[in-house]
């Protein structure tokens, strides 16, 4: 007959699930815990992304990078999502992983921000105000001249997310949303 102390039994069988693991260091404390996206003002919709502890993303310079241990690969392999604690020697840019408030889908910020002005306002006429807010136009959309993809002048993901409220304060802005990559789901 084997004898196991009760303390040993409780330690082994009461381990937290990975979603509940809290690490000693919060690697992404400078990122907001919640990103609220206003959506379309006429529809009064709002979406929230919540930072997911125990996960991180690595943004690589090359798509198709072979990544061992990734639980999710996005953008043709240019972004890999891992569970656990980031390795400080990781090659690439690290970012937190978020989940949609309404479901458990993992979402990774890219650093691009989509802005939509009123249809009568051309993005080119607002370039100076956008620059004053700390952004630059990354891509203009010829089929929708009142919209554009922006990036923070610094090129940092955190700066792009942190300045969303400054973009929302610009006159005639109808919507500002960060680009959040998620796994494609088939219906």
C-alpha atoms as a PDB file:
ATOM      1  CA  UNK A   1       0.000   0.000   0.000  1.00  0.00           C
ATOM      2  CA  UNK A   2       1.265   3.441  -0.938  1.00  0.00           C
ATOM      3  CA  UNK A   3       0.936   6.431   1.325  1.00  0.00           C
ATOM      4  CA  UNK A   4       0.621   9.944  -0.182  1.00  0.00           C
ATOM      5  CA  UNK A   5       0.460  12.925   2.144  1.00  0.00           C
ATOM      6  CA  UNK A   6      -2.713  14.983   1.706  1.00  0.00           C
ATOM      7  CA  UNK A   7      -0.653  18.138   1.068  1.00  0.00           C
ATOM      8  CA  UNK A   8       1.015  16.472  -1.918  1.00  0.00           C
ATOM      9  CA  UNK A   9      -2.336  15.377  -3.311  1.00  0.00           C
ATOM     10  CA  UNK A  10      -3.769  18.922  -3.021  1.00  0.00           C
ATOM     11  CA  UNK A  11      -0.723  20.493  -4.670  1.00  0.00           C
ATOM     12  CA  UNK A  12      -0.789  18.107  -7.635  1.00  0.00           C
ATOM     13  CA  UNK A  13      -4.523  18.134  -8.262  1.00  0.00           C
ATOM     14  CA  UNK A  14      -5.281  21.780  -7.632  1.00  0.00           C
ATOM     15  CA  UNK A  15      -3.043  23.326 -10.269  1.00  0.00           C
ATOM     16  CA  UNK A  16      -4.672  26.276 -12.076  1.00  0.00           C
ATOM     17  CA  UNK A  17      -5.655  26.044 -15.734  1.00  0.00           C
ATOM     18  CA  UNK A  18      -3.415  27.865 -18.211  1.00  0.00           C
ATOM     19  CA  UNK A  19      -5.934  30.708 -18.523  1.00  0.00           C
ATOM     20  CA  UNK A  20      -5.648  31.341 -14.797  1.00  0.00           C
ATOM     21  CA  UNK A  21      -1.855  31.311 -14.561  1.00  0.00           C
ATOM     22  CA  UNK A  22      -0.500  34.638 -13.337  1.00  0.00           C
ATOM     23  CA  UNK A  23       3.111  35.399 -14.093  1.00  0.00           C
ATOM     24  CA  UNK A  24       5.342  37.336 -11.757  1.00  0.00           C
ATOM     25  CA  UNK A  25       6.094  40.002 -14.348  1.00  0.00           C
ATOM     26  CA  UNK A  26       3.488  41.672 -16.536  1.00  0.00           C
ATOM     27  CA  UNK A  27       5.427  41.999 -19.796  1.00  0.00           C
ATOM     28  CA  UNK A  28       2.697  44.101 -21.367  1.00  0.00           C
ATOM     29  CA  UNK A  29       1.756  46.460 -18.528  1.00  0.00           C
ATOM     30  CA  UNK A  30       2.160  49.472 -20.847  1.00  0.00           C
ATOM     31  CA  UNK A  31      -0.616  48.124 -23.079  1.00  0.00           C
ATOM     32  CA  UNK A  32      -4.222  48.801 -22.090  1.00  0.00           C
ATOM     33  CA  UNK A  33      -6.097  45.940 -20.428  1.00  0.00           C
ATOM     34  CA  UNK A  34      -9.102  46.802 -22.567  1.00  0.00           C
ATOM     35  CA  UNK A  35      -9.393  48.327 -26.033  1.00  0.00           C
ATOM     36  CA  UNK A  36     -12.835  49.718 -26.729  1.00  0.00           C
ATOM     37  CA  UNK A  37     -13.736  50.223 -30.360  1.00  0.00           C
ATOM     38  CA  UNK A  38     -16.565  52.652 -30.977  1.00  0.00           C
ATOM     39  CA  UNK A  39     -17.654  51.193 -34.306  1.00  0.00           C
ATOM     40  CA  UNK A  40     -20.265  52.911 -36.430  1.00  0.00           C
ATOM     41  CA  UNK A  41     -21.744  55.924 -34.625  1.00  0.00           C
ATOM     42  CA  UNK A  42     -25.052  55.558 -36.468  1.00  0.00           C
ATOM     43  CA  UNK A  43     -25.464  51.954 -35.249  1.00  0.00           C
ATOM     44  CA  UNK A  44     -24.304  52.710 -31.682  1.00  0.00           C
ATOM     45  CA  UNK A  45     -22.252  49.536 -31.586  1.00  0.00           C
ATOM     46  CA  UNK A  46     -19.215  49.018 -29.396  1.00  0.00           C
ATOM     47  CA  UNK A  47     -16.735  46.180 -29.218  1.00  0.00           C
ATOM     48  CA  UNK A  48     -14.175  45.551 -26.493  1.00  0.00           C
ATOM     49  CA  UNK A  49     -10.972  43.580 -26.672  1.00  0.00           C
ATOM     50  CA  UNK A  50      -9.647  42.332 -23.319  1.00  0.00           C
ATOM     51  CA  UNK A  51      -5.930  41.606 -22.815  1.00  0.00           C
ATOM     52  CA  UNK A  52      -5.450  37.854 -22.286  1.00  0.00           C
ATOM     53  CA  UNK A  53      -2.872  36.972 -19.613  1.00  0.00           C
ATOM     54  CA  UNK A  54      -0.741  33.909 -20.268  1.00  0.00           C
ATOM     55  CA  UNK A  55      -0.441  34.559 -24.019  1.00  0.00           C
ATOM     56  CA  UNK A  56       1.822  36.655 -26.224  1.00  0.00           C
ATOM     57  CA  UNK A  57       2.436  37.247 -29.924  1.00  0.00           C
ATOM     58  CA  UNK A  58       5.680  37.548 -31.845  1.00  0.00           C
ATOM     59  CA  UNK A  59       5.685  39.684 -34.993  1.00  0.00           C
ATOM     60  CA  UNK A  60       8.368  38.521 -37.421  1.00  0.00           C
ATOM     61  CA  UNK A  61       9.836  40.477 -40.330  1.00  0.00           C
ATOM     62  CA  UNK A  62       9.339  37.592 -42.756  1.00  0.00           C
ATOM     63  CA  UNK A  63       6.041  35.817 -43.478  1.00  0.00           C
ATOM     64  CA  UNK A  64       6.236  32.028 -43.381  1.00  0.00           C
ATOM     65  CA  UNK A  65       8.696  31.935 -40.497  1.00  0.00           C
ATOM     66  CA  UNK A  66       8.815  28.396 -39.103  1.00  0.00           C
ATOM     67  CA  UNK A  67       7.758  28.619 -35.458  1.00  0.00           C
ATOM     68  CA  UNK A  68       7.879  25.727 -33.027  1.00  0.00           C
ATOM     69  CA  UNK A  69       5.346  25.695 -30.213  1.00  0.00           C
ATOM     70  CA  UNK A  70       3.004  28.336 -31.656  1.00  0.00           C
ATOM     71  CA  UNK A  71      -0.668  27.739 -30.899  1.00  0.00           C
ATOM     72  CA  UNK A  72      -1.758  30.058 -33.713  1.00  0.00           C
ATOM     73  CA  UNK A  73      -0.123  31.545 -36.811  1.00  0.00           C
ATOM     74  CA  UNK A  74      -1.541  34.660 -38.472  1.00  0.00           C
ATOM     75  CA  UNK A  75      -0.745  36.810 -41.511  1.00  0.00           C
ATOM     76  CA  UNK A  76       0.852  33.961 -43.496  1.00  0.00           C
ATOM     77  CA  UNK A  77       3.083  33.072 -40.551  1.00  0.00           C
ATOM     78  CA  UNK A  78       4.402  36.587 -39.918  1.00  0.00           C
ATOM     79  CA  UNK A  79       2.707  36.566 -36.489  1.00  0.00           C
ATOM     80  CA  UNK A  80       2.824  33.626 -34.085  1.00  0.00           C
ATOM     81  CA  UNK A  81       0.822  33.332 -30.863  1.00  0.00           C
ATOM     82  CA  UNK A  82       2.211  31.404 -27.888  1.00  0.00           C
ATOM     83  CA  UNK A  83       0.892  30.461 -24.478  1.00  0.00           C
ATOM     84  CA  UNK A  84       3.119  31.047 -21.501  1.00  0.00           C
ATOM     85  CA  UNK A  85       5.684  33.670 -20.674  1.00  0.00           C
ATOM     86  CA  UNK A  86       7.681  35.482 -23.399  1.00  0.00           C
ATOM     87  CA  UNK A  87      11.324  34.643 -23.837  1.00  0.00           C
ATOM     88  CA  UNK A  88      13.386  37.871 -23.603  1.00  0.00           C
ATOM     89  CA  UNK A  89      15.738  36.583 -26.325  1.00  0.00           C
ATOM     90  CA  UNK A  90      12.836  36.164 -28.768  1.00  0.00           C
ATOM     91  CA  UNK A  91      13.618  37.472 -32.254  1.00  0.00           C
ATOM     92  CA  UNK A  92      10.855  39.820 -33.391  1.00  0.00           C
ATOM     93  CA  UNK A  93       8.465  42.325 -31.863  1.00  0.00           C
ATOM     94  CA  UNK A  94       6.448  41.113 -28.882  1.00  0.00           C
ATOM     95  CA  UNK A  95       2.857  42.173 -28.265  1.00  0.00           C
ATOM     96  CA  UNK A  96       0.026  41.061 -26.011  1.00  0.00           C
ATOM     97  CA  UNK A  97      -2.882  38.963 -27.175  1.00  0.00           C
ATOM     98  CA  UNK A  98      -6.475  40.098 -26.670  1.00  0.00           C
ATOM     99  CA  UNK A  99      -9.832  38.347 -26.782  1.00  0.00           C
ATOM    100  CA  UNK A 100     -13.146  39.709 -27.915  1.00  0.00           C
ATOM    101  CA  UNK A 101     -15.426  40.471 -25.008  1.00  0.00           C
ATOM    102  CA  UNK A 102     -18.229  38.492 -26.640  1.00  0.00           C
ATOM    103  CA  UNK A 103     -16.231  35.288 -27.318  1.00  0.00           C
ATOM    104  CA  UNK A 104     -12.881  33.648 -26.668  1.00  0.00           C
ATOM    105  CA  UNK A 105     -11.280  34.267 -30.078  1.00  0.00           C
ATOM    106  CA  UNK A 106      -7.670  35.386 -29.782  1.00  0.00           C
ATOM    107  CA  UNK A 107      -6.857  38.724 -31.435  1.00  0.00           C
ATOM    108  CA  UNK A 108      -3.458  40.311 -32.067  1.00  0.00           C
ATOM    109  CA  UNK A 109      -2.948  44.055 -32.690  1.00  0.00           C
ATOM    110  CA  UNK A 110      -0.836  44.848 -35.768  1.00  0.00           C
ATOM    111  CA  UNK A 111      -0.165  48.538 -35.151  1.00  0.00           C
ATOM    112  CA  UNK A 112      -2.393  49.676 -38.014  1.00  0.00           C
ATOM    113  CA  UNK A 113      -5.431  51.843 -37.294  1.00  0.00           C
ATOM    114  CA  UNK A 114      -8.389  52.238 -39.650  1.00  0.00           C
ATOM    115  CA  UNK A 115      -9.960  55.695 -39.715  1.00  0.00           C
ATOM    116  CA  UNK A 116     -13.185  56.726 -41.416  1.00  0.00           C
ATOM    117  CA  UNK A 117     -14.288  60.314 -41.814  1.00  0.00           C
ATOM    118  CA  UNK A 118     -17.696  61.562 -42.938  1.00  0.00           C
ATOM    119  CA  UNK A 119     -18.103  60.827 -46.665  1.00  0.00           C
ATOM    120  CA  UNK A 120     -17.726  64.498 -47.541  1.00  0.00           C
ATOM    121  CA  UNK A 121     -14.261  64.678 -45.879  1.00  0.00           C
ATOM    122  CA  UNK A 122     -11.246  63.485 -47.851  1.00  0.00           C
ATOM    123  CA  UNK A 123      -8.382  61.911 -45.841  1.00  0.00           C
ATOM    124  CA  UNK A 124      -5.839  63.971 -47.814  1.00  0.00           C
ATOM    125  CA  UNK A 125      -7.401  67.171 -46.468  1.00  0.00           C
ATOM    126  CA  UNK A 126      -6.886  65.851 -42.922  1.00  0.00           C
ATOM    127  CA  UNK A 127      -3.268  64.697 -43.295  1.00  0.00           C
ATOM    128  CA  UNK A 128      -1.875  67.560 -41.168  1.00  0.00           C
ATOM    129  CA  UNK A 129      -4.308  66.896 -38.300  1.00  0.00           C
ATOM    130  CA  UNK A 130      -3.506  63.173 -38.490  1.00  0.00           C
ATOM    131  CA  UNK A 131       0.233  63.993 -38.300  1.00  0.00           C
ATOM    132  CA  UNK A 132      -0.352  66.259 -35.289  1.00  0.00           C
ATOM    133  CA  UNK A 133      -2.067  63.331 -33.540  1.00  0.00           C
ATOM    134  CA  UNK A 134       1.138  61.292 -33.986  1.00  0.00           C
ATOM    135  CA  UNK A 135       0.144  59.190 -36.995  1.00  0.00           C
ATOM    136  CA  UNK A 136       0.946  58.935 -40.681  1.00  0.00           C
ATOM    137  CA  UNK A 137      -1.127  57.539 -43.527  1.00  0.00           C
ATOM    138  CA  UNK A 138       0.093  54.014 -44.272  1.00  0.00           C
ATOM    139  CA  UNK A 139      -2.396  53.349 -47.065  1.00  0.00           C
ATOM    140  CA  UNK A 140      -5.025  55.486 -48.746  1.00  0.00           C
ATOM    141  CA  UNK A 141      -8.000  53.706 -50.229  1.00  0.00           C
ATOM    142  CA  UNK A 142      -8.815  55.023 -53.718  1.00  0.00           C
ATOM    143  CA  UNK A 143     -12.306  53.497 -53.676  1.00  0.00           C
ATOM    144  CA  UNK A 144     -13.089  55.208 -50.344  1.00  0.00           C
ATOM    145  CA  UNK A 145     -11.174  58.523 -50.144  1.00  0.00           C
ATOM    146  CA  UNK A 146     -12.714  59.281 -46.730  1.00  0.00           C
ATOM    147  CA  UNK A 147     -10.932  56.253 -45.188  1.00  0.00           C
ATOM    148  CA  UNK A 148      -7.316  55.192 -44.636  1.00  0.00           C
ATOM    149  CA  UNK A 149      -5.019  52.883 -42.724  1.00  0.00           C
ATOM    150  CA  UNK A 150      -2.769  54.776 -40.315  1.00  0.00           C
ATOM    151  CA  UNK A 151       0.321  53.856 -38.304  1.00  0.00           C
ATOM    152  CA  UNK A 152       1.959  55.628 -35.397  1.00  0.00           C
ATOM    153  CA  UNK A 153       4.913  57.769 -36.496  1.00  0.00           C
ATOM    154  CA  UNK A 154       7.111  55.796 -34.088  1.00  0.00           C
ATOM    155  CA  UNK A 155       6.075  52.527 -35.732  1.00  0.00           C
ATOM    156  CA  UNK A 156       5.291  51.016 -32.307  1.00  0.00           C
ATOM    157  CA  UNK A 157       2.124  49.029 -31.731  1.00  0.00           C
ATOM    158  CA  UNK A 158       1.649  50.511 -28.257  1.00  0.00           C
ATOM    159  CA  UNK A 159       1.797  54.081 -29.624  1.00  0.00           C
ATOM    160  CA  UNK A 160      -0.781  53.221 -32.275  1.00  0.00           C
ATOM    161  CA  UNK A 161      -3.212  51.876 -29.665  1.00  0.00           C
ATOM    162  CA  UNK A 162      -2.543  54.638 -27.124  1.00  0.00           C
ATOM    163  CA  UNK A 163      -3.425  57.427 -29.552  1.00  0.00           C
ATOM    164  CA  UNK A 164      -6.827  56.139 -30.646  1.00  0.00           C
ATOM    165  CA  UNK A 165      -8.646  58.680 -28.454  1.00  0.00           C
ATOM    166  CA  UNK A 166      -6.713  61.525 -30.135  1.00  0.00           C
ATOM    167  CA  UNK A 167      -7.885  60.307 -33.528  1.00  0.00           C
ATOM    168  CA  UNK A 168     -11.483  60.014 -32.307  1.00  0.00           C
ATOM    169  CA  UNK A 169     -11.330  63.656 -31.206  1.00  0.00           C
ATOM    170  CA  UNK A 170     -10.606  64.906 -34.750  1.00  0.00           C
ATOM    171  CA  UNK A 171     -13.565  66.713 -36.311  1.00  0.00           C
ATOM    172  CA  UNK A 172     -15.728  64.650 -38.690  1.00  0.00           C
ATOM    173  CA  UNK A 173     -14.240  61.282 -37.640  1.00  0.00           C
ATOM    174  CA  UNK A 174     -16.950  58.628 -37.675  1.00  0.00           C
ATOM    175  CA  UNK A 175     -14.952  55.530 -36.758  1.00  0.00           C
ATOM    176  CA  UNK A 176     -11.479  54.558 -35.519  1.00  0.00           C
ATOM    177  CA  UNK A 177     -10.533  50.890 -35.146  1.00  0.00           C
ATOM    178  CA  UNK A 178      -7.244  49.073 -34.524  1.00  0.00           C
ATOM    179  CA  UNK A 179      -6.490  46.216 -36.885  1.00  0.00           C
ATOM    180  CA  UNK A 180      -6.792  43.054 -34.789  1.00  0.00           C
ATOM    181  CA  UNK A 181      -5.893  39.807 -36.552  1.00  0.00           C
ATOM    182  CA  UNK A 182      -7.874  36.728 -35.564  1.00  0.00           C
ATOM    183  CA  UNK A 183      -8.063  33.115 -36.675  1.00  0.00           C
ATOM    184  CA  UNK A 184     -10.476  32.696 -39.545  1.00  0.00           C
ATOM    185  CA  UNK A 185     -13.559  30.722 -38.635  1.00  0.00           C
ATOM    186  CA  UNK A 186     -15.588  28.881 -41.220  1.00  0.00           C
ATOM    187  CA  UNK A 187     -19.344  28.913 -40.839  1.00  0.00           C
END
